Amino acid sequence: MSRPIHSKYGYEPPEWVQVDAQLDKWCKDKKRRAKRKRRKQHAKDKKMPLS
């Protein structure tokens, strides 16, 4: 059995630490994409008609 590694969630096996890191990265990227989408939609809503 491998030795537990201290992570931000406590002591866990190395496999769990790797999965946690991937999940954290995925959540952060998803949040970033949602923010970018909201910003684009806001800019689109602010455009004035030319007539």
Protein backbone atom coordinates (compact mmCIF):
# COMPACT_ATOMS: atom_id res chain seq x y z
CA MET A 1 0.00 0.00 0.00
CA SER A 2 1.30 3.44 -0.85
CA ARG A 3 1.88 6.12 1.74
CA PRO A 4 -0.81 8.79 2.16
CA ILE A 5 0.04 12.27 0.92
CA HIS A 6 -0.99 15.42 2.74
CA SER A 7 -3.26 17.43 0.46
CA LYS A 8 -5.64 20.30 1.05
CA TYR A 9 -8.29 17.70 1.95
CA GLY A 10 -6.14 15.87 4.50
CA TYR A 11 -4.06 12.70 4.15
CA GLU A 12 -5.07 10.68 1.09
CA PRO A 13 -3.63 8.02 -1.22
CA PRO A 14 -1.69 9.39 -4.23
CA GLU A 15 -4.44 8.30 -6.64
CA TRP A 16 -7.04 10.38 -4.79
CA VAL A 17 -4.76 13.41 -4.73
CA GLN A 18 -4.33 13.17 -8.51
CA VAL A 19 -8.10 12.84 -9.06
CA ASP A 20 -8.78 15.78 -6.72
CA ALA A 21 -6.33 17.94 -8.67
CA GLN A 22 -7.99 17.06 -11.98
CA LEU A 23 -11.44 17.77 -10.54
CA ASP A 24 -10.33 21.12 -9.12
CA LYS A 25 -8.84 22.09 -12.49
CA TRP A 26 -12.05 21.06 -14.30
CA CYS A 27 -14.26 23.09 -11.91
CA LYS A 28 -12.03 26.16 -12.22
CA ASP A 29 -12.06 25.92 -16.02
CA LYS A 30 -15.84 25.49 -16.10
CA LYS A 31 -16.31 28.55 -13.90
CA ARG A 32 -13.95 30.57 -16.13
CA ARG A 33 -15.87 29.54 -19.28
CA ALA A 34 -19.20 30.50 -17.69
CA LYS A 35 -17.84 33.92 -16.74
CA ARG A 36 -16.59 34.49 -20.30
CA LYS A 37 -19.98 33.46 -21.71
CA ARG A 38 -21.81 35.91 -19.40
CA ARG A 39 -19.44 38.70 -20.41
CA LYS A 40 -20.03 38.04 -24.13
CA GLN A 41 -23.80 37.95 -23.62
CA HIS A 42 -23.70 41.24 -21.71
CA ALA A 43 -21.71 42.91 -24.51
CA LYS A 44 -24.16 41.53 -27.05
CA ASP A 45 -27.13 42.93 -25.08
CA LYS A 46 -25.52 46.38 -24.83
CA LYS A 47 -25.24 46.87 -28.62
CA MET A 48 -27.54 49.60 -29.90
CA PRO A 49 -29.47 49.34 -33.17
CA LEU A 50 -28.20 51.61 -35.96
CA SER A 51 -31.61 53.02 -36.99
